[in-house]
Amino acid sequence: MTEETRGPALHRDDELTEHLRALTAPPADPAYWDGLHARILARVAQGHEEGEWWAISERTYRVGLLAAGLTLIVAGSLWMRARSVETRMAYETQIETPADVQPTFARRGLFDDDRPGAYLAPGPR
């Protein structure tokens, strides 16, 4: 059993090659190239992009810039939030609080005395 991986045998056809070269050869006349150059420059000078499908209107341009700006703001705020969470988690993993120690919160208010009648009935404290 043989394994044929080379594909079919290719034969050189000089006559066909010459015909194809004649069909695909660029024009030899310099007037053709000058005319092509003039047509391209005339089309560029016209500038008919206003109604074309690829032209972007000013309104679309402004909306796109606004959407891009909002996207940057949201992405930046999410990045900053994620970074602060990572920093807090790194801090908490390094500095462990014992489980038996409960946090104490200080309360500052108008009344420092916890007795309800302390301010209703004046007298010695």
N, C-alpha and C. Protein backbone atom coordinates (compact mmCIF):
# COMPACT_ATOMS: atom_id res chain seq x y z
N MET A 1 0.85 -1.17 0.00
CA MET A 1 0.00 0.00 0.00
C MET A 1 0.90 1.23 0.00
N THR A 2 0.63 2.15 -0.91
CA THR A 2 1.44 3.37 -1.00
C THR A 2 0.61 4.56 -0.53
N GLU A 3 1.30 5.52 -0.02
CA GLU A 3 0.62 6.73 0.44
C GLU A 3 0.96 7.86 -0.53
N GLU A 4 -0.03 8.31 -1.26
CA GLU A 4 0.18 9.34 -2.29
C GLU A 4 -0.17 10.70 -1.68
N THR A 5 0.82 11.49 -1.32
CA THR A 5 0.58 12.81 -0.72
C THR A 5 0.99 13.94 -1.64
N ARG A 6 1.54 13.62 -2.78
CA ARG A 6 2.01 14.67 -3.68
C ARG A 6 0.89 15.27 -4.52
N GLY A 7 -0.21 14.63 -4.69
CA GLY A 7 -1.28 15.13 -5.53
C GLY A 7 -1.05 14.77 -6.99
N PRO A 8 -1.86 15.33 -7.87
CA PRO A 8 -1.70 14.99 -9.29
C PRO A 8 -0.41 15.60 -9.85
N ALA A 9 0.07 14.99 -10.88
CA ALA A 9 1.29 15.48 -11.52
C ALA A 9 0.97 16.76 -12.28
N LEU A 10 1.80 17.76 -12.13
CA LEU A 10 1.60 19.04 -12.79
C LEU A 10 2.44 19.09 -14.06
N HIS A 11 1.81 19.53 -15.14
CA HIS A 11 2.52 19.65 -16.41
C HIS A 11 2.55 21.12 -16.81
N ARG A 12 3.65 21.55 -17.30
CA ARG A 12 3.82 22.94 -17.71
C ARG A 12 3.19 23.13 -19.08
N ASP A 13 2.37 24.19 -19.19
CA ASP A 13 1.71 24.51 -20.46
C ASP A 13 2.12 25.92 -20.86
N ASP A 14 3.14 26.02 -21.69
CA ASP A 14 3.67 27.33 -22.07
C ASP A 14 2.70 28.14 -22.91
N GLU A 15 1.92 27.48 -23.74
CA GLU A 15 0.97 28.20 -24.59
C GLU A 15 -0.12 28.87 -23.74
N LEU A 16 -0.65 28.14 -22.78
CA LEU A 16 -1.66 28.69 -21.88
C LEU A 16 -1.08 29.84 -21.05
N THR A 17 0.14 29.69 -20.60
CA THR A 17 0.79 30.74 -19.81
C THR A 17 0.91 32.02 -20.62
N GLU A 18 1.29 31.92 -21.87
CA GLU A 18 1.41 33.11 -22.72
C GLU A 18 0.06 33.78 -22.95
N HIS A 19 -0.99 33.00 -23.14
CA HIS A 19 -2.34 33.58 -23.33
C HIS A 19 -2.80 34.30 -22.05
N LEU A 20 -2.56 33.70 -20.91
CA LEU A 20 -2.96 34.33 -19.65
C LEU A 20 -2.17 35.61 -19.39
N ARG A 21 -0.88 35.60 -19.72
CA ARG A 21 -0.09 36.82 -19.54
C ARG A 21 -0.58 37.94 -20.45
N ALA A 22 -1.00 37.59 -21.64
CA ALA A 22 -1.51 38.61 -22.57
C ALA A 22 -2.83 39.19 -22.06
N LEU A 23 -3.66 38.36 -21.45
CA LEU A 23 -4.94 38.84 -20.94
C LEU A 23 -4.79 39.71 -19.70
N THR A 24 -3.84 39.36 -18.85
CA THR A 24 -3.70 40.08 -17.58
C THR A 24 -2.60 41.13 -17.59
N ALA A 25 -1.98 41.37 -18.69
CA ALA A 25 -0.89 42.35 -18.75
C ALA A 25 -1.46 43.76 -18.61
N PRO A 26 -0.75 44.64 -17.92
CA PRO A 26 -1.21 46.03 -17.80
C PRO A 26 -1.07 46.75 -19.14
N PRO A 27 -1.90 47.73 -19.37
CA PRO A 27 -1.81 48.46 -20.64
C PRO A 27 -0.45 49.15 -20.76
N ALA A 28 0.09 49.12 -21.96
CA ALA A 28 1.40 49.72 -22.20
C ALA A 28 1.28 51.18 -22.59
N ASP A 29 0.10 51.63 -22.93
CA ASP A 29 -0.11 53.00 -23.38
C ASP A 29 -0.06 53.96 -22.18
N PRO A 30 0.82 54.97 -22.19
CA PRO A 30 0.88 55.91 -21.07
C PRO A 30 -0.39 56.74 -20.92
N ALA A 31 -1.16 56.89 -21.99
CA ALA A 31 -2.40 57.66 -21.91
C ALA A 31 -3.41 56.99 -20.99
N TYR A 32 -3.39 55.66 -20.93
CA TYR A 32 -4.30 54.94 -20.04
C TYR A 32 -4.01 55.32 -18.58
N TRP A 33 -2.74 55.31 -18.21
CA TRP A 33 -2.36 55.61 -16.84
C TRP A 33 -2.62 57.07 -16.49
N ASP A 34 -2.40 57.96 -17.44
CA ASP A 34 -2.70 59.37 -17.20
C ASP A 34 -4.20 59.59 -17.00
N GLY A 35 -5.00 58.91 -17.82
CA GLY A 35 -6.46 59.02 -17.68
C GLY A 35 -6.95 58.45 -16.37
N LEU A 36 -6.37 57.32 -15.96
CA LEU A 36 -6.74 56.71 -14.69
C LEU A 36 -6.39 57.64 -13.53
N HIS A 37 -5.22 58.23 -13.60
CA HIS A 37 -4.79 59.17 -12.57
C HIS A 37 -5.74 60.36 -12.50
N ALA A 38 -6.13 60.89 -13.64
CA ALA A 38 -7.04 62.03 -13.67
C ALA A 38 -8.41 61.67 -13.11
N ARG A 39 -8.91 60.48 -13.42
CA ARG A 39 -10.21 60.04 -12.90
C ARG A 39 -10.18 59.88 -11.38
N ILE A 40 -9.10 59.33 -10.88
CA ILE A 40 -8.98 59.14 -9.43
C ILE A 40 -8.95 60.49 -8.72
N LEU A 41 -8.14 61.42 -9.23
CA LEU A 41 -8.06 62.73 -8.60
C LEU A 41 -9.38 63.49 -8.69
N ALA A 42 -10.11 63.33 -9.80
CA ALA A 42 -11.41 64.00 -9.93
C ALA A 42 -12.40 63.44 -8.92
N ARG A 43 -12.37 62.15 -8.73
CA ARG A 43 -13.29 61.53 -7.77
C ARG A 43 -12.96 61.96 -6.33
N VAL A 44 -11.68 62.06 -6.03
CA VAL A 44 -11.28 62.51 -4.70
C VAL A 44 -11.67 63.96 -4.49
N ALA A 45 -11.53 64.77 -5.53
CA ALA A 45 -11.86 66.19 -5.42
C ALA A 45 -13.37 66.40 -5.24
N GLN A 46 -14.19 65.51 -5.76
CA GLN A 46 -15.64 65.65 -5.61
C GLN A 46 -16.04 65.54 -4.14
N GLY A 47 -15.52 64.54 -3.48
CA GLY A 47 -15.82 64.36 -2.06
C GLY A 47 -17.28 64.08 -1.77
N HIS A 48 -17.91 63.23 -2.52
CA HIS A 48 -19.33 62.89 -2.30
C HIS A 48 -19.45 61.82 -1.22
N GLU A 49 -19.06 62.14 -0.03
CA GLU A 49 -19.19 61.18 1.07
C GLU A 49 -20.39 61.47 1.95
N GLU A 50 -21.04 62.57 1.77
CA GLU A 50 -22.10 62.98 2.69
C GLU A 50 -23.23 61.96 2.77
N GLY A 51 -23.68 61.46 1.64
CA GLY A 51 -24.81 60.55 1.66
C GLY A 51 -24.43 59.09 1.56
N GLU A 52 -23.17 58.77 1.58
CA GLU A 52 -22.74 57.39 1.43
C GLU A 52 -22.94 56.62 2.73
N TRP A 53 -22.98 55.33 2.64
CA TRP A 53 -23.26 54.49 3.79
C TRP A 53 -22.11 54.50 4.80
N TRP A 54 -20.90 54.77 4.36
CA TRP A 54 -19.78 54.73 5.28
C TRP A 54 -19.51 56.08 5.95
N ALA A 55 -20.18 57.12 5.50
CA ALA A 55 -19.96 58.44 6.08
C ALA A 55 -20.66 58.53 7.44
N ILE A 56 -20.00 59.17 8.39
CA ILE A 56 -20.55 59.32 9.74
C ILE A 56 -21.06 60.75 9.90
N SER A 57 -22.30 60.88 10.29
CA SER A 57 -22.86 62.21 10.48
C SER A 57 -22.34 62.81 11.78
N GLU A 58 -22.50 64.11 11.93
CA GLU A 58 -22.03 64.77 13.15
C GLU A 58 -22.78 64.27 14.38
N ARG A 59 -24.07 64.03 14.23
CA ARG A 59 -24.87 63.56 15.36
C ARG A 59 -24.39 62.18 15.81
N THR A 60 -24.16 61.30 14.86
CA THR A 60 -23.67 59.97 15.19
C THR A 60 -22.29 60.05 15.83
N TYR A 61 -21.47 60.95 15.32
CA TYR A 61 -20.12 61.14 15.86
C TYR A 61 -20.19 61.60 17.32
N ARG A 62 -21.08 62.55 17.61
CA ARG A 62 -21.22 63.05 18.98
C ARG A 62 -21.74 61.97 19.92
N VAL A 63 -22.74 61.22 19.45
CA VAL A 63 -23.30 60.15 20.28
C VAL A 63 -22.23 59.09 20.55
N GLY A 64 -21.44 58.78 19.54
CA GLY A 64 -20.36 57.81 19.72
C GLY A 64 -19.33 58.27 20.72
N LEU A 65 -18.96 59.55 20.65
CA LEU A 65 -18.00 60.09 21.62
C LEU A 65 -18.57 60.07 23.03
N LEU A 66 -19.85 60.40 23.16
CA LEU A 66 -20.49 60.38 24.47
C LEU A 66 -20.53 58.96 25.03
N ALA A 67 -20.89 58.00 24.19
CA ALA A 67 -20.93 56.60 24.63
C ALA A 67 -19.53 56.11 25.02
N ALA A 68 -18.53 56.50 24.26
CA ALA A 68 -17.16 56.10 24.59
C ALA A 68 -16.72 56.72 25.91
N GLY A 69 -17.07 57.97 26.14
CA GLY A 69 -16.72 58.62 27.40
C GLY A 69 -17.39 57.97 28.58
N LEU A 70 -18.67 57.68 28.45
CA LEU A 70 -19.39 57.00 29.54
C LEU A 70 -18.82 55.61 29.81
N THR A 71 -18.45 54.93 28.75
CA THR A 71 -17.85 53.61 28.91
C THR A 71 -16.54 53.70 29.67
N LEU A 72 -15.73 54.70 29.35
CA LEU A 72 -14.46 54.88 30.07
C LEU A 72 -14.70 55.21 31.54
N ILE A 73 -15.69 56.04 31.82
CA ILE A 73 -15.98 56.40 33.21
C ILE A 73 -16.44 55.17 33.99
N VAL A 74 -17.34 54.40 33.42
CA VAL A 74 -17.83 53.20 34.11
C VAL A 74 -16.71 52.18 34.30
N ALA A 75 -15.92 51.97 33.25
CA ALA A 75 -14.82 51.01 33.36
C ALA A 75 -13.79 51.46 34.39
N GLY A 76 -13.50 52.75 34.42
CA GLY A 76 -12.55 53.27 35.40
C GLY A 76 -13.05 53.13 36.82
N SER A 77 -14.33 53.42 37.03
CA SER A 77 -14.87 53.30 38.39
C SER A 77 -14.92 51.83 38.83
N LEU A 78 -15.25 50.93 37.92
CA LEU A 78 -15.25 49.51 38.27
C LEU A 78 -13.84 49.03 38.58
N TRP A 79 -12.87 49.51 37.82
CA TRP A 79 -11.48 49.14 38.07
C TRP A 79 -11.02 49.64 39.44
N MET A 80 -11.36 50.89 39.76
CA MET A 80 -10.96 51.45 41.05
C MET A 80 -11.63 50.70 42.20
N ARG A 81 -12.89 50.33 42.01
CA ARG A 81 -13.60 49.58 43.06
C ARG A 81 -12.96 48.21 43.26
N ALA A 82 -12.66 47.53 42.17
CA ALA A 82 -12.03 46.22 42.28
C ALA A 82 -10.66 46.32 42.94
N ARG A 83 -9.94 47.36 42.62
CA ARG A 83 -8.62 47.55 43.22
C ARG A 83 -8.73 47.81 44.73
N SER A 84 -9.72 48.62 45.13
CA SER A 84 -9.89 48.88 46.57
C SER A 84 -10.31 47.61 47.31
N VAL A 85 -11.14 46.80 46.68
CA VAL A 85 -11.54 45.53 47.31
C VAL A 85 -10.32 44.62 47.44
N GLU A 86 -9.49 44.56 46.41
CA GLU A 86 -8.28 43.74 46.48
C GLU A 86 -7.35 44.24 47.58
N THR A 87 -7.21 45.55 47.69
CA THR A 87 -6.34 46.12 48.72
C THR A 87 -6.88 45.80 50.10
N ARG A 88 -8.19 45.94 50.29
CA ARG A 88 -8.79 45.64 51.59
C ARG A 88 -8.62 44.17 51.94
N MET A 89 -8.83 43.29 50.95
CA MET A 89 -8.66 41.87 51.21
C MET A 89 -7.21 41.53 51.54
N ALA A 90 -6.27 42.16 50.86
CA ALA A 90 -4.86 41.92 51.17
C ALA A 90 -4.53 42.40 52.57
N TYR A 91 -5.07 43.54 52.96
CA TYR A 91 -4.85 44.07 54.30
C TYR A 91 -5.44 43.13 55.35
N GLU A 92 -6.65 42.67 55.12
CA GLU A 92 -7.31 41.81 56.09
C GLU A 92 -6.63 40.45 56.21
N THR A 93 -6.02 39.97 55.15
CA THR A 93 -5.32 38.69 55.26
C THR A 93 -4.01 38.82 56.02
N GLN A 94 -3.41 39.99 55.99
CA GLN A 94 -2.15 40.20 56.71
C GLN A 94 -2.37 40.53 58.18
N ILE A 95 -3.39 41.31 58.47
CA ILE A 95 -3.67 41.71 59.84
C ILE A 95 -4.96 41.03 60.26
N GLU A 96 -4.80 39.98 61.04
CA GLU A 96 -5.96 39.21 61.46
C GLU A 96 -6.46 39.72 62.80
N THR A 97 -7.76 39.84 62.91
CA THR A 97 -8.40 40.24 64.16
C THR A 97 -8.84 38.98 64.89
N PRO A 98 -8.48 38.84 66.17
CA PRO A 98 -8.92 37.65 66.89
C PRO A 98 -10.45 37.58 66.93
N ALA A 99 -10.97 36.37 66.87
CA ALA A 99 -12.41 36.18 66.81
C ALA A 99 -13.10 36.56 68.12
N ASP A 100 -12.39 36.45 69.27
CA ASP A 100 -13.04 36.75 70.54
C ASP A 100 -13.09 38.24 70.84
N VAL A 101 -12.41 39.06 70.08
CA VAL A 101 -12.43 40.50 70.31
C VAL A 101 -13.53 41.11 69.44
N GLN A 102 -14.50 41.70 70.09
CA GLN A 102 -15.58 42.34 69.36
C GLN A 102 -15.22 43.81 69.14
N PRO A 103 -15.50 44.33 67.99
CA PRO A 103 -15.20 45.74 67.75
C PRO A 103 -16.09 46.64 68.60
N THR A 104 -15.53 47.72 69.10
CA THR A 104 -16.25 48.68 69.92
C THR A 104 -16.44 49.94 69.10
N PHE A 105 -17.66 50.39 69.03
CA PHE A 105 -17.96 51.59 68.26
C PHE A 105 -18.30 52.71 69.22
N ALA A 106 -17.75 53.86 68.99
CA ALA A 106 -18.04 55.03 69.82
C ALA A 106 -19.21 55.76 69.19
N ARG A 107 -20.14 56.16 70.06
CA ARG A 107 -21.31 56.88 69.57
C ARG A 107 -21.24 58.29 70.13
N ARG A 108 -21.32 59.22 69.24
CA ARG A 108 -21.30 60.61 69.67
C ARG A 108 -22.65 61.22 69.34
N GLY A 109 -23.24 61.82 70.33
CA GLY A 109 -24.55 62.40 70.09
C GLY A 109 -24.77 63.59 71.00
N LEU A 110 -26.00 64.05 71.00
CA LEU A 110 -26.34 65.19 71.85
C LEU A 110 -26.38 64.80 73.32
N PHE A 111 -26.81 63.57 73.58
CA PHE A 111 -26.97 63.12 74.96
C PHE A 111 -25.90 62.07 75.26
N ASP A 112 -25.06 62.39 76.22
CA ASP A 112 -24.02 61.44 76.59
C ASP A 112 -24.49 60.50 77.70
N ASP A 113 -25.56 60.86 78.36
CA ASP A 113 -26.07 60.05 79.44
C ASP A 113 -27.15 59.13 78.88
N ASP A 114 -27.11 57.86 79.26
CA ASP A 114 -28.07 56.90 78.73
C ASP A 114 -29.38 56.86 79.50
N ARG A 115 -29.45 57.55 80.61
CA ARG A 115 -30.69 57.52 81.39
C ARG A 115 -31.75 58.36 80.70
N PRO A 116 -32.95 57.84 80.50
CA PRO A 116 -33.97 58.60 79.79
C PRO A 116 -34.43 59.84 80.54
N GLY A 117 -34.47 59.79 81.85
CA GLY A 117 -34.97 60.92 82.60
C GLY A 117 -33.90 61.93 82.97
N ALA A 118 -32.70 61.74 82.57
CA ALA A 118 -31.61 62.62 82.99
C ALA A 118 -31.81 64.03 82.48
N TYR A 119 -32.40 64.19 81.35
CA TYR A 119 -32.57 65.52 80.78
C TYR A 119 -34.00 66.03 80.94
N LEU A 120 -34.90 65.17 81.38
CA LEU A 120 -36.28 65.59 81.57
C LEU A 120 -36.49 66.20 82.95
N ALA A 121 -35.88 65.60 83.94
CA ALA A 121 -36.02 66.10 85.31
C ALA A 121 -34.66 66.61 85.76
N PRO A 122 -34.49 67.93 85.83
CA PRO A 122 -33.18 68.44 86.25
C PRO A 122 -32.92 68.09 87.69
N GLY A 123 -31.72 67.81 87.98
CA GLY A 123 -31.33 67.45 89.33
C GLY A 123 -29.89 66.99 89.33
N PRO A 124 -29.43 66.53 90.47
CA PRO A 124 -28.04 66.08 90.52
C PRO A 124 -27.84 64.80 89.71
N ARG A 125 -26.71 64.74 89.18
CA ARG A 125 -26.41 63.55 88.36
C ARG A 125 -25.53 62.61 89.08
